[in-house]
Amino acid sequence: MSTVNFSIPEAIKKAFNKTFEGENKSAVLARLMQQAIEERKRQKRRAAAIETLLKVRAGAKPVSEATIRKARRKGRP
């Protein structure tokens, strides 16, 4: 196990201690840190996916509305 040292506002510390009273604070913080890590990974994956879609779209040739309507009708029973 590692030890970390963060400075946080006193109001947040008090609210955290009140909210998680009686719980293992180290476990709570570890879980919150893991959630933050996973959220950041999701953000990066979303940003990469959006970037890829924008690149694909930039290279795609325009399609007329008539062609789009025809494709929609063709795909319906």
N, C-alpha and C. Protein backbone atom coordinates (compact mmCIF):
# COMPACT_ATOMS: atom_id res chain seq x y z
N MET A 1 0.84 -1.18 0.00
CA MET A 1 0.00 0.00 0.00
C MET A 1 0.88 1.24 0.00
N SER A 2 0.41 2.25 -0.70
CA SER A 2 1.11 3.52 -0.76
C SER A 2 0.36 4.55 0.06
N THR A 3 1.08 5.58 0.43
CA THR A 3 0.48 6.69 1.14
C THR A 3 0.54 7.90 0.24
N VAL A 4 -0.57 8.65 0.17
CA VAL A 4 -0.61 9.87 -0.62
C VAL A 4 -0.93 11.04 0.29
N ASN A 5 -0.52 12.21 -0.11
CA ASN A 5 -0.75 13.41 0.68
C ASN A 5 -1.30 14.48 -0.24
N PHE A 6 -2.57 14.86 -0.02
CA PHE A 6 -3.22 15.89 -0.81
C PHE A 6 -3.68 17.00 0.10
N SER A 7 -3.63 18.21 -0.40
CA SER A 7 -4.21 19.35 0.32
C SER A 7 -5.58 19.62 -0.29
N ILE A 8 -6.58 19.69 0.56
CA ILE A 8 -7.94 19.96 0.10
C ILE A 8 -8.55 21.02 1.01
N PRO A 9 -9.57 21.72 0.51
CA PRO A 9 -10.23 22.71 1.37
C PRO A 9 -10.85 22.05 2.60
N GLU A 10 -10.81 22.75 3.70
CA GLU A 10 -11.32 22.23 4.97
C GLU A 10 -12.80 21.85 4.87
N ALA A 11 -13.57 22.63 4.13
CA ALA A 11 -15.01 22.34 3.99
C ALA A 11 -15.23 20.99 3.32
N ILE A 12 -14.42 20.67 2.33
CA ILE A 12 -14.56 19.38 1.65
C ILE A 12 -14.17 18.25 2.59
N LYS A 13 -13.13 18.46 3.35
CA LYS A 13 -12.70 17.43 4.32
C LYS A 13 -13.80 17.15 5.33
N LYS A 14 -14.40 18.20 5.85
CA LYS A 14 -15.48 18.03 6.84
C LYS A 14 -16.67 17.31 6.22
N ALA A 15 -17.05 17.72 5.02
CA ALA A 15 -18.20 17.09 4.34
C ALA A 15 -17.90 15.62 4.05
N PHE A 16 -16.68 15.33 3.62
CA PHE A 16 -16.28 13.95 3.34
C PHE A 16 -16.36 13.11 4.61
N ASN A 17 -15.78 13.62 5.68
CA ASN A 17 -15.79 12.88 6.95
C ASN A 17 -17.21 12.65 7.46
N LYS A 18 -18.08 13.64 7.29
CA LYS A 18 -19.47 13.50 7.73
C LYS A 18 -20.22 12.48 6.84
N THR A 19 -20.00 12.59 5.54
CA THR A 19 -20.70 11.72 4.59
C THR A 19 -20.29 10.27 4.74
N PHE A 20 -19.00 10.03 4.98
CA PHE A 20 -18.49 8.67 5.05
C PHE A 20 -18.12 8.25 6.47
N GLU A 21 -18.79 8.84 7.43
CA GLU A 21 -18.55 8.53 8.84
C GLU A 21 -18.73 7.03 9.08
N GLY A 22 -17.80 6.44 9.79
CA GLY A 22 -17.89 5.03 10.14
C GLY A 22 -17.39 4.10 9.05
N GLU A 23 -16.98 4.64 7.91
CA GLU A 23 -16.47 3.81 6.81
C GLU A 23 -14.95 3.91 6.75
N ASN A 24 -14.35 2.96 6.10
CA ASN A 24 -12.92 2.96 5.89
C ASN A 24 -12.60 4.04 4.86
N LYS A 25 -12.09 5.18 5.32
CA LYS A 25 -11.85 6.33 4.44
C LYS A 25 -10.83 6.00 3.35
N SER A 26 -9.84 5.20 3.68
CA SER A 26 -8.84 4.83 2.68
C SER A 26 -9.49 4.03 1.54
N ALA A 27 -10.38 3.12 1.89
CA ALA A 27 -11.08 2.33 0.88
C ALA A 27 -12.00 3.21 0.04
N VAL A 28 -12.67 4.15 0.68
CA VAL A 28 -13.55 5.07 -0.05
C VAL A 28 -12.73 5.90 -1.03
N LEU A 29 -11.62 6.46 -0.56
CA LEU A 29 -10.78 7.27 -1.44
C LEU A 29 -10.19 6.45 -2.57
N ALA A 30 -9.79 5.23 -2.30
CA ALA A 30 -9.25 4.36 -3.35
C ALA A 30 -10.32 4.09 -4.40
N ARG A 31 -11.56 3.84 -3.95
CA ARG A 31 -12.65 3.59 -4.89
C ARG A 31 -12.95 4.84 -5.73
N LEU A 32 -12.96 6.01 -5.08
CA LEU A 32 -13.21 7.25 -5.81
C LEU A 32 -12.09 7.55 -6.81
N MET A 33 -10.86 7.27 -6.42
CA MET A 33 -9.74 7.46 -7.34
C MET A 33 -9.86 6.53 -8.53
N GLN A 34 -10.24 5.28 -8.29
CA GLN A 34 -10.41 4.31 -9.38
C GLN A 34 -11.51 4.76 -10.33
N GLN A 35 -12.60 5.27 -9.76
CA GLN A 35 -13.69 5.78 -10.60
C GLN A 35 -13.22 6.96 -11.45
N ALA A 36 -12.42 7.84 -10.86
CA ALA A 36 -11.88 8.99 -11.60
C ALA A 36 -10.97 8.53 -12.73
N ILE A 37 -10.17 7.52 -12.48
CA ILE A 37 -9.28 6.97 -13.51
C ILE A 37 -10.10 6.40 -14.65
N GLU A 38 -11.12 5.60 -14.33
CA GLU A 38 -11.97 5.00 -15.36
C GLU A 38 -12.71 6.07 -16.16
N GLU A 39 -13.19 7.10 -15.49
CA GLU A 39 -13.88 8.19 -16.17
C GLU A 39 -12.94 8.90 -17.14
N ARG A 40 -11.72 9.14 -16.73
CA ARG A 40 -10.75 9.80 -17.62
C ARG A 40 -10.46 8.92 -18.83
N LYS A 41 -10.35 7.61 -18.62
CA LYS A 41 -10.13 6.69 -19.74
C LYS A 41 -11.30 6.74 -20.71
N ARG A 42 -12.55 6.78 -20.17
CA ARG A 42 -13.74 6.88 -21.03
C ARG A 42 -13.72 8.18 -21.84
N GLN A 43 -13.35 9.27 -21.18
CA GLN A 43 -13.28 10.57 -21.86
C GLN A 43 -12.28 10.51 -23.02
N LYS A 44 -11.13 9.91 -22.77
CA LYS A 44 -10.12 9.81 -23.82
C LYS A 44 -10.60 8.93 -24.97
N ARG A 45 -11.28 7.82 -24.66
CA ARG A 45 -11.81 6.95 -25.71
C ARG A 45 -12.88 7.68 -26.53
N ARG A 46 -13.75 8.43 -25.84
CA ARG A 46 -14.78 9.19 -26.55
C ARG A 46 -14.14 10.24 -27.46
N ALA A 47 -13.14 10.95 -26.94
CA ALA A 47 -12.48 11.98 -27.74
C ALA A 47 -11.81 11.36 -28.96
N ALA A 48 -11.17 10.21 -28.79
CA ALA A 48 -10.52 9.53 -29.91
C ALA A 48 -11.57 9.08 -30.93
N ALA A 49 -12.70 8.56 -30.47
CA ALA A 49 -13.76 8.11 -31.38
C ALA A 49 -14.34 9.28 -32.15
N ILE A 50 -14.55 10.40 -31.48
CA ILE A 50 -15.08 11.59 -32.15
C ILE A 50 -14.08 12.07 -33.19
N GLU A 51 -12.81 12.11 -32.83
CA GLU A 51 -11.78 12.54 -33.77
C GLU A 51 -11.75 11.63 -35.00
N THR A 52 -11.86 10.34 -34.80
CA THR A 52 -11.88 9.40 -35.91
C THR A 52 -13.09 9.64 -36.80
N LEU A 53 -14.26 9.81 -36.20
CA LEU A 53 -15.47 10.08 -36.98
C LEU A 53 -15.36 11.37 -37.78
N LEU A 54 -14.78 12.40 -37.17
CA LEU A 54 -14.63 13.67 -37.88
C LEU A 54 -13.67 13.53 -39.06
N LYS A 55 -12.61 12.75 -38.88
CA LYS A 55 -11.68 12.52 -39.98
C LYS A 55 -12.35 11.75 -41.12
N VAL A 56 -13.12 10.72 -40.76
CA VAL A 56 -13.82 9.94 -41.78
C VAL A 56 -14.82 10.83 -42.51
N ARG A 57 -15.53 11.62 -41.77
CA ARG A 57 -16.54 12.49 -42.38
C ARG A 57 -15.90 13.53 -43.28
N ALA A 58 -14.76 14.05 -42.87
CA ALA A 58 -14.07 15.05 -43.69
C ALA A 58 -13.65 14.47 -45.03
N GLY A 59 -13.34 13.19 -45.06
CA GLY A 59 -12.90 12.55 -46.29
C GLY A 59 -14.02 11.97 -47.13
N ALA A 60 -15.23 11.96 -46.59
CA ALA A 60 -16.36 11.36 -47.33
C ALA A 60 -16.92 12.37 -48.32
N LYS A 61 -17.35 11.87 -49.46
CA LYS A 61 -17.93 12.77 -50.45
C LYS A 61 -19.38 13.05 -50.06
N PRO A 62 -19.87 14.24 -50.36
CA PRO A 62 -21.24 14.61 -50.01
C PRO A 62 -22.26 13.72 -50.71
N VAL A 63 -23.39 13.51 -50.06
CA VAL A 63 -24.47 12.70 -50.61
C VAL A 63 -25.72 13.59 -50.65
N SER A 64 -26.44 13.53 -51.73
CA SER A 64 -27.64 14.36 -51.87
C SER A 64 -28.76 13.85 -50.97
N GLU A 65 -29.71 14.74 -50.71
CA GLU A 65 -30.87 14.36 -49.90
C GLU A 65 -31.68 13.28 -50.61
N ALA A 66 -31.74 13.35 -51.92
CA ALA A 66 -32.49 12.35 -52.70
C ALA A 66 -31.87 10.97 -52.53
N THR A 67 -30.56 10.89 -52.54
CA THR A 67 -29.87 9.62 -52.35
C THR A 67 -30.12 9.08 -50.95
N ILE A 68 -30.11 9.94 -49.97
CA ILE A 68 -30.37 9.53 -48.58
C ILE A 68 -31.79 8.99 -48.45
N ARG A 69 -32.77 9.72 -49.02
CA ARG A 69 -34.16 9.26 -48.97
C ARG A 69 -34.32 7.91 -49.65
N LYS A 70 -33.67 7.73 -50.79
CA LYS A 70 -33.75 6.47 -51.52
C LYS A 70 -33.18 5.32 -50.68
N ALA A 71 -32.04 5.57 -50.02
CA ALA A 71 -31.42 4.53 -49.18
C ALA A 71 -32.31 4.19 -48.00
N ARG A 72 -32.97 5.18 -47.43
CA ARG A 72 -33.86 4.91 -46.30
C ARG A 72 -35.05 4.06 -46.73
N ARG A 73 -35.63 4.40 -47.87
CA ARG A 73 -36.78 3.63 -48.37
C ARG A 73 -36.37 2.21 -48.73
N LYS A 74 -35.21 2.07 -49.32
CA LYS A 74 -34.73 0.74 -49.75
C LYS A 74 -34.52 -0.19 -48.54
N GLY A 75 -34.10 0.36 -47.43
CA GLY A 75 -33.82 -0.47 -46.24
C GLY A 75 -35.05 -0.83 -45.43
N ARG A 76 -36.20 -0.27 -45.80
CA ARG A 76 -37.43 -0.54 -45.04
C ARG A 76 -38.24 -1.64 -45.72
N PRO A 77 -38.92 -2.44 -44.91
CA PRO A 77 -39.76 -3.51 -45.50
C PRO A 77 -40.99 -2.95 -46.17
